[in-house]
Protein backbone atom coordinates (compact mmCIF):
# COMPACT_ATOMS: atom_id res chain seq x y z
CA UNK A 1 214.80 120.94 57.51
CA UNK A 2 215.60 121.09 61.22
CA UNK A 3 213.88 124.49 61.42
CA UNK A 4 210.60 123.15 60.03
CA UNK A 5 210.83 120.09 62.27
CA UNK A 6 211.25 122.40 65.26
CA UNK A 7 208.24 124.46 64.13
CA UNK A 8 206.10 121.33 63.74
CA UNK A 9 207.15 120.05 67.16
CA UNK A 10 206.38 123.40 68.78
CA UNK A 11 202.97 123.52 67.06
CA UNK A 12 202.17 119.98 68.21
CA UNK A 13 203.21 120.81 71.77
CA UNK A 14 201.08 123.97 71.74
CA UNK A 15 198.09 121.99 70.45
CA UNK A 16 198.50 119.40 73.22
CA UNK A 17 198.74 122.10 75.89
CA UNK A 18 195.65 123.83 74.49
CA UNK A 19 193.74 120.54 74.41
CA UNK A 20 194.80 119.78 78.00
CA UNK A 21 193.32 123.05 79.26
CA UNK A 22 190.29 123.02 76.95
CA UNK A 23 186.92 122.69 78.69
CA UNK A 24 184.41 119.93 78.12
CA UNK A 25 180.97 121.53 78.13
CA UNK A 26 177.77 119.62 78.77
CA UNK A 27 174.30 121.11 78.31
CA UNK A 28 171.29 119.21 79.65
CA UNK A 29 167.61 119.95 79.10
CA UNK A 30 164.79 117.81 80.46
CA UNK A 31 161.13 118.66 80.03
CA UNK A 32 157.87 116.99 80.89
CA UNK A 33 154.46 118.18 79.81
CA UNK A 34 151.49 115.99 80.57
CA UNK A 35 152.69 112.45 79.80
CA UNK A 36 155.43 113.49 77.37
CA UNK A 37 159.07 113.51 78.49
CA UNK A 38 162.09 114.71 76.52
CA UNK A 39 165.78 114.77 77.34
CA UNK A 40 168.54 116.50 75.35
CA UNK A 41 172.25 116.25 76.19
CA UNK A 42 174.86 118.15 74.14
CA UNK A 43 178.59 117.62 74.72
CA UNK A 44 181.25 119.95 73.29
CA UNK A 45 185.02 119.55 73.59
CA UNK A 46 188.29 120.70 72.00
CA UNK A 47 186.98 124.24 71.63
CA UNK A 48 183.94 123.09 69.66
CA UNK A 49 185.75 120.71 67.28
CA UNK A 50 184.01 117.80 68.96
CA UNK A 51 180.25 117.97 69.34
CA UNK A 52 177.93 115.14 70.36
CA UNK A 53 174.17 115.25 70.84
CA UNK A 54 171.91 112.74 72.53
CA UNK A 55 168.17 113.19 72.15
CA UNK A 56 165.48 111.19 73.89
CA UNK A 57 162.35 112.53 72.18
CA UNK A 58 160.00 110.31 74.16
CA UNK A 59 160.13 108.46 77.48
CA UNK A 60 157.21 106.21 78.41
CA UNK A 61 156.60 104.08 81.52
CA UNK A 62 154.96 100.75 80.66
CA UNK A 63 154.33 98.66 83.73
CA UNK A 64 157.72 98.10 85.39
CA UNK A 65 159.65 99.12 82.27
CA UNK A 66 160.85 102.49 81.00
CA UNK A 67 160.77 102.66 77.21
CA UNK A 68 162.53 105.45 75.36
CA UNK A 69 163.71 106.35 71.88
CA UNK A 70 167.21 107.68 71.49
CA UNK A 71 168.94 109.59 68.70
CA UNK A 72 172.72 110.15 68.74
CA UNK A 73 174.56 112.46 66.35
CA UNK A 74 177.95 114.15 66.23
CA UNK A 75 181.65 113.54 66.51
CA UNK A 76 184.78 115.16 65.13
CA UNK A 77 184.65 117.17 61.86
CA UNK A 78 184.56 114.77 58.93
CA UNK A 79 183.64 111.83 61.18
CA UNK A 80 180.10 112.77 62.13
CA UNK A 81 177.92 109.75 62.82
CA UNK A 82 174.33 109.15 63.79
CA UNK A 83 172.21 106.37 65.20
CA UNK A 84 168.64 105.73 66.30
CA UNK A 85 167.31 103.09 68.68
CA UNK A 86 164.38 102.20 70.88
CA UNK A 87 165.51 100.93 74.29
CA UNK A 88 163.86 99.32 77.30
CA UNK A 89 165.03 99.72 80.90
CA UNK A 90 163.60 96.89 82.95
CA UNK A 91 164.40 94.83 86.02
CA UNK A 92 167.27 92.96 84.33
CA UNK A 93 168.92 96.21 83.24
CA UNK A 94 168.70 97.68 86.74
CA UNK A 95 170.11 94.49 88.31
CA UNK A 96 172.97 94.55 85.80
CA UNK A 97 173.85 98.12 86.79
CA UNK A 98 173.69 97.22 90.50
CA UNK A 99 175.99 94.24 90.04
CA UNK A 100 178.42 96.32 87.98
CA UNK A 101 178.48 99.03 90.66
CA UNK A 102 179.17 96.52 93.39
CA UNK A 103 182.01 95.02 91.34
CA UNK A 104 183.52 98.47 90.85
CA UNK A 105 183.36 99.11 94.60
CA UNK A 106 185.28 95.95 95.49
CA UNK A 107 187.74 96.37 92.62
CA UNK A 108 188.72 99.98 93.34
CA UNK A 109 190.17 101.46 96.50
CA UNK A 110 188.14 104.36 97.91
CA UNK A 111 185.92 104.57 94.81
CA UNK A 112 183.23 106.66 96.55
CA UNK A 113 185.84 109.17 97.67
CA UNK A 114 187.20 109.34 94.10
CA UNK A 115 183.69 109.91 92.74
CA UNK A 116 182.98 112.73 95.21
CA UNK A 117 186.31 114.44 94.49
CA UNK A 118 185.79 114.16 90.73
CA UNK A 119 182.24 115.54 90.88
CA UNK A 120 183.49 118.51 92.92
CA UNK A 121 185.72 119.44 89.97
CA UNK A 122 182.70 119.67 87.67
CA UNK A 123 181.54 123.28 87.46
CA UNK A 124 177.86 124.13 87.07
CA UNK A 125 177.52 127.39 85.14
CA UNK A 126 173.73 127.38 84.70
CA UNK A 127 170.88 125.86 86.70
CA UNK A 128 167.19 126.45 86.14
CA UNK A 129 164.24 124.38 87.33
CA UNK A 130 160.72 125.53 86.50
CA UNK A 131 157.35 124.00 87.38
CA UNK A 132 153.84 124.82 86.28
CA UNK A 133 151.20 122.95 88.23
CA UNK A 134 147.46 122.79 88.64
CA UNK A 135 145.05 120.25 90.14
CA UNK A 136 141.73 121.83 89.26
CA UNK A 137 141.24 122.86 92.90
CA UNK A 138 142.62 126.13 94.24
CA UNK A 139 143.48 124.88 97.73
CA UNK A 140 145.34 121.74 96.63
CA UNK A 141 147.07 123.68 93.84
CA UNK A 142 148.41 126.17 96.40
CA UNK A 143 149.59 123.31 98.65
CA UNK A 144 151.32 121.54 95.76
CA UNK A 145 152.94 124.81 94.69
CA UNK A 146 154.52 125.21 98.12
CA UNK A 147 155.70 121.60 98.07
CA UNK A 148 157.35 122.06 94.67
CA UNK A 149 159.15 125.19 95.91
CA UNK A 150 160.65 122.98 98.63
CA UNK A 151 161.58 120.30 96.06
CA UNK A 152 163.24 122.92 93.87
CA UNK A 153 165.27 124.25 96.79
CA UNK A 154 166.33 120.75 97.89
CA UNK A 155 167.38 119.80 94.37
CA UNK A 156 169.60 122.86 93.91
CA UNK A 157 170.96 122.46 97.46
CA UNK A 158 171.98 118.82 96.90
CA UNK A 159 173.52 119.67 93.53
CA UNK A 160 175.52 122.54 95.02
CA UNK A 161 177.00 120.18 97.61
CA UNK A 162 178.02 117.64 94.97
CA UNK A 163 179.25 120.04 92.26
CA UNK A 164 181.18 123.31 92.10
CA UNK A 165 178.47 125.91 91.47
CA UNK A 166 179.58 128.96 89.49
CA UNK A 167 176.08 130.36 89.18
CA UNK A 168 173.04 131.13 91.29
CA UNK A 169 170.27 128.53 90.93
CA UNK A 170 167.10 129.91 89.38
CA UNK A 171 163.61 128.51 89.25
CA UNK A 172 159.93 129.30 89.30
CA UNK A 173 156.82 127.45 90.40
CA UNK A 174 153.76 128.81 88.63
CA UNK A 175 150.30 127.72 89.84
CA UNK A 176 147.55 127.12 87.32
CA UNK A 177 144.22 127.49 89.12
CA UNK A 178 142.04 126.96 86.05
CA UNK A 179 142.88 123.47 84.71
CA UNK A 180 144.88 120.41 85.83
CA UNK A 181 148.47 120.64 84.60
CA UNK A 182 151.95 119.45 85.45
CA UNK A 183 154.92 120.80 83.50
CA UNK A 184 158.58 120.74 84.48
CA UNK A 185 161.63 122.09 82.65
CA UNK A 186 165.18 121.60 83.94
CA UNK A 187 168.13 123.19 82.17
CA UNK A 188 171.75 123.06 83.32
CA UNK A 189 175.23 123.66 81.92
CA UNK A 190 178.34 121.90 83.21
CA UNK A 191 182.03 122.07 82.36
CA UNK A 192 185.29 120.38 83.33
CA UNK A 193 188.76 120.73 81.84
CA UNK A 194 189.94 117.83 79.71
CA UNK A 195 193.21 117.67 81.65
CA UNK A 196 191.33 117.50 84.95
CA UNK A 197 189.20 114.64 83.65
CA UNK A 198 192.22 112.74 82.34
CA UNK A 199 194.00 113.13 85.70
CA UNK A 200 190.90 111.81 87.46
CA UNK A 201 190.79 108.70 85.26
CA UNK A 202 194.52 108.18 85.74
CA UNK A 203 193.98 108.28 89.50
CA UNK A 204 191.11 105.83 89.11
CA UNK A 205 193.38 103.46 87.20
CA UNK A 206 196.05 103.62 89.88
CA UNK A 207 193.43 102.88 92.57
CA UNK A 208 192.10 99.81 90.74
CA UNK A 209 193.26 96.64 92.48
CA UNK A 210 191.38 94.06 90.37
CA UNK A 211 191.86 95.27 86.81
CA UNK A 212 190.08 92.44 84.98
CA UNK A 213 187.01 92.52 87.21
CA UNK A 214 186.87 96.32 87.09
CA UNK A 215 187.08 96.38 83.28
CA UNK A 216 184.24 93.85 82.99
CA UNK A 217 182.16 95.90 85.43
CA UNK A 218 182.77 99.16 83.56
CA UNK A 219 181.94 97.44 80.26
CA UNK A 220 178.68 96.18 81.74
CA UNK A 221 177.90 99.63 83.21
CA UNK A 222 178.53 101.42 79.91
CA UNK A 223 176.57 98.92 77.80
CA UNK A 224 173.22 100.56 76.93
CA UNK A 225 169.89 98.88 77.70
CA UNK A 226 168.60 96.34 75.21
CA UNK A 227 166.85 97.51 72.09
CA UNK A 228 163.12 97.04 71.73
CA UNK A 229 161.00 96.57 68.66
CA UNK A 230 160.34 99.78 66.74
């Protein structure tokens, strides 16, 4: 009996160690063609046992509001769930996020420093940003192509300062001199070890000086925008 108990304990300890060092992988793909936007985020953890997918098949700007449809699927094996919703990001939603952020700042010591240090532990293993652009006029298309090359370089440069790049950024800007067009595709892969993330949140908890206010702020920050009529 003691032998099997020892075996079970050793197996449980090995599983915990493996989980601690397991990477969390995040794949992001955003595309825009004409007036159509799409965003896909896939999260994998525990060596693929956990998989979660967020799909925004359409993003539309209506006045001062951003309206999008969202589809969420995934989870642990045997506990896969799914949901669909139409959400609206408006002025009230933005103000709620701003207030929550301000509350987090005053409730946590050196929060910005914690955020920078945590982001630096996130590894970027793939980065690609492609544009295809045309205005219908050769001269302005060439000018816009050069501008987008600069935008692409600035975007990868800023990201490399915030994250730990483990890849060389790649991108293309293709001019279309025949017809007006604007297409953008951004693809990136990120990873961070589960143990590293847990340590970061533990450090955040230790740095929190107003627990109740911080919890309310985080709850408000993580609450999704209101649902709209389908």
